């Protein structure tokens, strides 16, 4: 059974990258084109990681370590 309290670290890291890009866009550090390009790549990366999740992936504790 899927435990919703466990989120793989790659997804967390990618979501943090999205938050950083949002901050940079708010402060006009990056333009809209670069922001959209990076966000699209990161969203695809999250979708790929979510598709990888199965019982073996969930049970492997190394998928939940942020610092290696």
PDB file of N, CA and C in Angstrom:
ATOM      1  N   UNK A   1       0.843  -1.182   0.000  1.00  0.00           N
ATOM      2  CA  UNK A   1       0.000   0.000   0.000  1.00  0.00           C
ATOM      3  C   UNK A   1       0.885   1.241   0.000  1.00  0.00           C
ATOM      4  N   UNK A   2       0.497   2.248  -0.724  1.00  0.00           N
ATOM      5  CA  UNK A   2       1.273   3.474  -0.864  1.00  0.00           C
ATOM      6  C   UNK A   2       1.113   4.337   0.381  1.00  0.00           C
ATOM      7  N   UNK A   3       2.250   4.700   0.954  1.00  0.00           N
ATOM      8  CA  UNK A   3       2.264   5.543   2.142  1.00  0.00           C
ATOM      9  C   UNK A   3       2.424   6.995   1.700  1.00  0.00           C
ATOM     10  N   UNK A   4       1.396   7.809   1.893  1.00  0.00           N
ATOM     11  CA  UNK A   4       1.438   9.187   1.406  1.00  0.00           C
ATOM     12  C   UNK A   4       2.345  10.091   2.238  1.00  0.00           C
ATOM     13  N   UNK A   5       2.780   9.632   3.395  1.00  0.00           N
ATOM     14  CA  UNK A   5       3.663  10.471   4.203  1.00  0.00           C
ATOM     15  C   UNK A   5       5.104  10.409   3.711  1.00  0.00           C
ATOM     16  N   UNK A   6       5.416   9.477   2.826  1.00  0.00           N
ATOM     17  CA  UNK A   6       6.761   9.375   2.256  1.00  0.00           C
ATOM     18  C   UNK A   6       6.747   9.968   0.855  1.00  0.00           C
ATOM     19  N   UNK A   7       7.574  10.966   0.659  1.00  0.00           N
ATOM     20  CA  UNK A   7       7.709  11.577  -0.662  1.00  0.00           C
ATOM     21  C   UNK A   7       9.169  11.435  -1.068  1.00  0.00           C
ATOM     22  N   UNK A   8       9.436  10.884  -2.249  1.00  0.00           N
ATOM     23  CA  UNK A   8      10.825  10.709  -2.697  1.00  0.00           C
ATOM     24  C   UNK A   8      11.573  12.036  -2.737  1.00  0.00           C
ATOM     25  N   UNK A   9      12.836  11.977  -2.373  1.00  0.00           N
ATOM     26  CA  UNK A   9      13.639  13.196  -2.282  1.00  0.00           C
ATOM     27  C   UNK A   9      13.811  13.891  -3.624  1.00  0.00           C
ATOM     28  N   UNK A  10      13.829  13.155  -4.728  1.00  0.00           N
ATOM     29  CA  UNK A  10      13.984  13.798  -6.033  1.00  0.00           C
ATOM     30  C   UNK A  10      12.793  14.705  -6.341  1.00  0.00           C
ATOM     31  N   UNK A  11      11.614  14.301  -5.910  1.00  0.00           N
ATOM     32  CA  UNK A  11      10.437  15.131  -6.126  1.00  0.00           C
ATOM     33  C   UNK A  11      10.520  16.383  -5.260  1.00  0.00           C
ATOM     34  N   UNK A  12      10.954  16.230  -4.019  1.00  0.00           N
ATOM     35  CA  UNK A  12      11.099  17.384  -3.121  1.00  0.00           C
ATOM     36  C   UNK A  12      12.132  18.362  -3.671  1.00  0.00           C
ATOM     37  N   UNK A  13      13.266  17.855  -4.123  1.00  0.00           N
ATOM     38  CA  UNK A  13      14.310  18.718  -4.670  1.00  0.00           C
ATOM     39  C   UNK A  13      13.818  19.457  -5.909  1.00  0.00           C
ATOM     40  N   UNK A  14      13.055  18.780  -6.755  1.00  0.00           N
ATOM     41  CA  UNK A  14      12.538  19.412  -7.965  1.00  0.00           C
ATOM     42  C   UNK A  14      11.520  20.490  -7.619  1.00  0.00           C
ATOM     43  N   UNK A  15      10.665  20.220  -6.649  1.00  0.00           N
ATOM     44  CA  UNK A  15       9.691  21.226  -6.229  1.00  0.00           C
ATOM     45  C   UNK A  15      10.379  22.440  -5.598  1.00  0.00           C
ATOM     46  N   UNK A  16      11.475  22.223  -4.904  1.00  0.00           N
ATOM     47  CA  UNK A  16      12.242  23.353  -4.364  1.00  0.00           C
ATOM     48  C   UNK A  16      12.856  24.186  -5.489  1.00  0.00           C
ATOM     49  N   UNK A  17      13.286  23.523  -6.542  1.00  0.00           N
ATOM     50  CA  UNK A  17      13.823  24.240  -7.701  1.00  0.00           C
ATOM     51  C   UNK A  17      12.750  25.117  -8.336  1.00  0.00           C
ATOM     52  N   UNK A  18      11.527  24.619  -8.387  1.00  0.00           N
ATOM     53  CA  UNK A  18      10.420  25.401  -8.934  1.00  0.00           C
ATOM     54  C   UNK A  18      10.176  26.632  -8.066  1.00  0.00           C
ATOM     55  N   UNK A  19      10.221  26.458  -6.749  1.00  0.00           N
ATOM     56  CA  UNK A  19      10.023  27.601  -5.842  1.00  0.00           C
ATOM     57  C   UNK A  19      11.122  28.644  -6.041  1.00  0.00           C
ATOM     58  N   UNK A  20      12.353  28.196  -6.238  1.00  0.00           N
ATOM     59  CA  UNK A  20      13.453  29.129  -6.487  1.00  0.00           C
ATOM     60  C   UNK A  20      13.222  29.903  -7.779  1.00  0.00           C
ATOM     61  N   UNK A  21      12.783  29.217  -8.822  1.00  0.00           N
ATOM     62  CA  UNK A  21      12.506  29.898 -10.082  1.00  0.00           C
ATOM     63  C   UNK A  21      11.381  30.921  -9.925  1.00  0.00           C
ATOM     64  N   UNK A  22      10.360  30.580  -9.139  1.00  0.00           N
ATOM     65  CA  UNK A  22       9.280  31.537  -8.894  1.00  0.00           C
ATOM     66  C   UNK A  22       9.809  32.783  -8.191  1.00  0.00           C
ATOM     67  N   UNK A  23      10.706  32.587  -7.247  1.00  0.00           N
ATOM     68  CA  UNK A  23      11.323  33.717  -6.545  1.00  0.00           C
ATOM     69  C   UNK A  23      12.128  34.583  -7.513  1.00  0.00           C
ATOM     70  N   UNK A  24      12.918  33.943  -8.364  1.00  0.00           N
ATOM     71  CA  UNK A  24      13.734  34.690  -9.324  1.00  0.00           C
ATOM     72  C   UNK A  24      12.865  35.468 -10.303  1.00  0.00           C
ATOM     73  N   UNK A  25      11.745  34.877 -10.711  1.00  0.00           N
ATOM     74  CA  UNK A  25      10.847  35.579 -11.633  1.00  0.00           C
ATOM     75  C   UNK A  25      10.197  36.774 -10.949  1.00  0.00           C
ATOM     76  N   UNK A  26       9.775  36.609  -9.695  1.00  0.00           N
ATOM     77  CA  UNK A  26       9.162  37.728  -8.965  1.00  0.00           C
ATOM     78  C   UNK A  26      10.118  38.903  -8.832  1.00  0.00           C
ATOM     79  N   UNK A  27      11.399  38.615  -8.688  1.00  0.00           N
ATOM     80  CA  UNK A  27      12.401  39.670  -8.531  1.00  0.00           C
ATOM     81  C   UNK A  27      12.998  40.111  -9.861  1.00  0.00           C
ATOM     82  N   UNK A  28      12.388  39.701 -10.955  1.00  0.00           N
ATOM     83  CA  UNK A  28      12.812  40.075 -12.313  1.00  0.00           C
ATOM     84  C   UNK A  28      14.265  39.707 -12.597  1.00  0.00           C
ATOM     85  N   UNK A  29      14.732  38.621 -12.009  1.00  0.00           N
ATOM     86  CA  UNK A  29      16.091  38.152 -12.278  1.00  0.00           C
ATOM     87  C   UNK A  29      16.140  37.346 -13.576  1.00  0.00           C
ATOM     88  N   UNK A  30      15.063  36.618 -13.863  1.00  0.00           N
ATOM     89  CA  UNK A  30      14.977  35.860 -15.119  1.00  0.00           C
ATOM     90  C   UNK A  30      13.737  36.322 -15.872  1.00  0.00           C
ATOM     91  N   UNK A  31      13.780  36.166 -17.208  1.00  0.00           N
ATOM     92  CA  UNK A  31      12.640  36.590 -18.014  1.00  0.00           C
ATOM     93  C   UNK A  31      11.611  35.461 -18.133  1.00  0.00           C
ATOM     94  N   UNK A  32      10.465  35.772 -18.714  1.00  0.00           N
ATOM     95  CA  UNK A  32       9.368  34.814 -18.821  1.00  0.00           C
ATOM     96  C   UNK A  32       9.740  33.585 -19.649  1.00  0.00           C
ATOM     97  N   UNK A  33      10.492  33.789 -20.717  1.00  0.00           N
ATOM     98  CA  UNK A  33      10.873  32.671 -21.580  1.00  0.00           C
ATOM     99  C   UNK A  33      11.728  31.652 -20.849  1.00  0.00           C
ATOM    100  N   UNK A  34      12.731  32.118 -20.132  1.00  0.00           N
ATOM    101  CA  UNK A  34      13.603  31.225 -19.382  1.00  0.00           C
ATOM    102  C   UNK A  34      12.827  30.544 -18.260  1.00  0.00           C
ATOM    103  N   UNK A  35      11.963  31.294 -17.602  1.00  0.00           N
ATOM    104  CA  UNK A  35      11.144  30.740 -16.520  1.00  0.00           C
ATOM    105  C   UNK A  35      10.267  29.602 -17.045  1.00  0.00           C
ATOM    106  N   UNK A  36       9.557  29.846 -18.142  1.00  0.00           N
ATOM    107  CA  UNK A  36       8.669  28.831 -18.704  1.00  0.00           C
ATOM    108  C   UNK A  36       9.437  27.600 -19.154  1.00  0.00           C
ATOM    109  N   UNK A  37      10.590  27.803 -19.771  1.00  0.00           N
ATOM    110  CA  UNK A  37      11.418  26.678 -20.226  1.00  0.00           C
ATOM    111  C   UNK A  37      11.843  25.812 -19.040  1.00  0.00           C
ATOM    112  N   UNK A  38      12.340  26.435 -17.995  1.00  0.00           N
ATOM    113  CA  UNK A  38      12.816  25.692 -16.828  1.00  0.00           C
ATOM    114  C   UNK A  38      11.671  25.000 -16.092  1.00  0.00           C
ATOM    115  N   UNK A  39      10.553  25.684 -15.949  1.00  0.00           N
ATOM    116  CA  UNK A  39       9.395  25.094 -15.267  1.00  0.00           C
ATOM    117  C   UNK A  39       8.899  23.868 -16.030  1.00  0.00           C
ATOM    118  N   UNK A  40       8.818  23.956 -17.341  1.00  0.00           N
ATOM    119  CA  UNK A  40       8.355  22.816 -18.135  1.00  0.00           C
ATOM    120  C   UNK A  40       9.279  21.618 -17.976  1.00  0.00           C
ATOM    121  N   UNK A  41      10.587  21.858 -17.966  1.00  0.00           N
ATOM    122  CA  UNK A  41      11.536  20.755 -17.771  1.00  0.00           C
ATOM    123  C   UNK A  41      11.374  20.128 -16.387  1.00  0.00           C
ATOM    124  N   UNK A  42      11.183  20.958 -15.360  1.00  0.00           N
ATOM    125  CA  UNK A  42      11.046  20.451 -14.004  1.00  0.00           C
ATOM    126  C   UNK A  42       9.725  19.701 -13.805  1.00  0.00           C
ATOM    127  N   UNK A  43       8.663  20.180 -14.417  1.00  0.00           N
ATOM    128  CA  UNK A  43       7.371  19.488 -14.308  1.00  0.00           C
ATOM    129  C   UNK A  43       7.467  18.118 -14.973  1.00  0.00           C
ATOM    130  N   UNK A  44       8.120  18.033 -16.120  1.00  0.00           N
ATOM    131  CA  UNK A  44       8.318  16.729 -16.764  1.00  0.00           C
ATOM    132  C   UNK A  44       9.146  15.805 -15.887  1.00  0.00           C
ATOM    133  N   UNK A  45      10.147  16.357 -15.217  1.00  0.00           N
ATOM    134  CA  UNK A  45      10.987  15.560 -14.322  1.00  0.00           C
ATOM    135  C   UNK A  45      10.160  14.995 -13.159  1.00  0.00           C
ATOM    136  N   UNK A  46       9.260  15.800 -12.603  1.00  0.00           N
ATOM    137  CA  UNK A  46       8.389  15.330 -11.523  1.00  0.00           C
ATOM    138  C   UNK A  46       7.475  14.219 -12.031  1.00  0.00           C
ATOM    139  N   UNK A  47       6.919  14.378 -13.220  1.00  0.00           N
ATOM    140  CA  UNK A  47       6.036  13.363 -13.780  1.00  0.00           C
ATOM    141  C   UNK A  47       6.778  12.045 -13.983  1.00  0.00           C
ATOM    142  N   UNK A  48       8.019  12.113 -14.443  1.00  0.00           N
ATOM    143  CA  UNK A  48       8.820  10.897 -14.632  1.00  0.00           C
ATOM    144  C   UNK A  48       9.065  10.212 -13.296  1.00  0.00           C
ATOM    145  N   UNK A  49       9.400  10.986 -12.277  1.00  0.00           N
ATOM    146  CA  UNK A  49       9.647  10.412 -10.946  1.00  0.00           C
ATOM    147  C   UNK A  49       8.377   9.787 -10.367  1.00  0.00           C
ATOM    148  N   UNK A  50       7.242  10.438 -10.554  1.00  0.00           N
ATOM    149  CA  UNK A  50       5.985   9.889 -10.049  1.00  0.00           C
ATOM    150  C   UNK A  50       5.625   8.592 -10.753  1.00  0.00           C
ATOM    151  N   UNK A  51       5.964   8.470 -12.030  1.00  0.00           N
ATOM    152  CA  UNK A  51       5.679   7.248 -12.778  1.00  0.00           C
ATOM    153  C   UNK A  51       6.564   6.091 -12.330  1.00  0.00           C
ATOM    154  N   UNK A  52       7.717   6.378 -11.755  1.00  0.00           N
ATOM    155  CA  UNK A  52       8.632   5.344 -11.280  1.00  0.00           C
ATOM    156  C   UNK A  52       8.150   4.675  -9.998  1.00  0.00           C
ATOM    157  N   UNK A  53       7.259   5.328  -9.280  1.00  0.00           N
ATOM    158  CA  UNK A  53       6.860   4.855  -7.954  1.00  0.00           C
ATOM    159  C   UNK A  53       6.060   3.564  -8.071  1.00  0.00           C
ATOM    160  N   UNK A  54       6.595   2.523  -7.472  1.00  0.00           N
ATOM    161  CA  UNK A  54       5.901   1.250  -7.322  1.00  0.00           C
ATOM    162  C   UNK A  54       6.269   0.696  -5.950  1.00  0.00           C
ATOM    163  N   UNK A  55       5.869  -0.531  -5.649  1.00  0.00           N
ATOM    164  CA  UNK A  55       6.110  -1.087  -4.312  1.00  0.00           C
ATOM    165  C   UNK A  55       7.598  -1.180  -3.979  1.00  0.00           C
ATOM    166  N   UNK A  56       8.423  -1.598  -4.930  1.00  0.00           N
ATOM    167  CA  UNK A  56       9.858  -1.705  -4.671  1.00  0.00           C
ATOM    168  C   UNK A  56      10.479  -0.323  -4.444  1.00  0.00           C
ATOM    169  N   UNK A  57      10.024   0.649  -5.191  1.00  0.00           N
ATOM    170  CA  UNK A  57      10.531   2.017  -5.044  1.00  0.00           C
ATOM    171  C   UNK A  57      10.169   2.574  -3.674  1.00  0.00           C
ATOM    172  N   UNK A  58       8.945   2.317  -3.231  1.00  0.00           N
ATOM    173  CA  UNK A  58       8.470   2.821  -1.949  1.00  0.00           C
ATOM    174  C   UNK A  58       9.242   2.200  -0.791  1.00  0.00           C
ATOM    175  N   UNK A  59       9.561   0.927  -0.908  1.00  0.00           N
ATOM    176  CA  UNK A  59      10.242   0.224   0.175  1.00  0.00           C
ATOM    177  C   UNK A  59      11.730   0.538   0.267  1.00  0.00           C
ATOM    178  N   UNK A  60      12.326   1.084  -0.775  1.00  0.00           N
ATOM    179  CA  UNK A  60      13.752   1.394  -0.795  1.00  0.00           C
ATOM    180  C   UNK A  60      13.993   2.738  -0.102  1.00  0.00           C
ATOM    181  N   UNK A  61      14.617   2.682   1.072  1.00  0.00           N
ATOM    182  CA  UNK A  61      14.836   3.903   1.868  1.00  0.00           C
ATOM    183  C   UNK A  61      15.790   4.894   1.217  1.00  0.00           C
ATOM    184  N   UNK A  62      16.633   4.455   0.319  1.00  0.00           N
ATOM    185  CA  UNK A  62      17.576   5.368  -0.309  1.00  0.00           C
ATOM    186  C   UNK A  62      16.881   6.399  -1.204  1.00  0.00           C
ATOM    187  N   UNK A  63      15.648   6.144  -1.590  1.00  0.00           N
ATOM    188  CA  UNK A  63      14.895   7.096  -2.407  1.00  0.00           C
ATOM    189  C   UNK A  63      14.385   8.285  -1.611  1.00  0.00           C
ATOM    190  N   UNK A  64      14.550   8.234  -0.297  1.00  0.00           N
ATOM    191  CA  UNK A  64      14.017   9.279   0.557  1.00  0.00           C
ATOM    192  C   UNK A  64      15.108  10.094   1.249  1.00  0.00           C
ATOM    193  N   UNK A  65      16.351   9.864   0.872  1.00  0.00           N
ATOM    194  CA  UNK A  65      17.459  10.608   1.460  1.00  0.00           C
ATOM    195  C   UNK A  65      17.737  11.835   0.617  1.00  0.00           C
ATOM    196  N   UNK A  66      17.729  12.984   1.255  1.00  0.00           N
ATOM    197  CA  UNK A  66      18.008  14.213   0.517  1.00  0.00           C
ATOM    198  C   UNK A  66      19.519  14.410   0.407  1.00  0.00           C
ATOM    199  N   UNK A  67      20.249  14.153   1.461  1.00  0.00           N
ATOM    200  CA  UNK A  67      21.695  14.274   1.428  1.00  0.00           C
ATOM    201  C   UNK A  67      22.310  12.889   1.316  1.00  0.00           C
ATOM    202  N   UNK A  68      23.194  12.751   0.348  1.00  0.00           N
ATOM    203  CA  UNK A  68      23.832  11.448   0.139  1.00  0.00           C
ATOM    204  C   UNK A  68      25.170  11.416   0.822  1.00  0.00           C
TER     205      UNK A  68
END
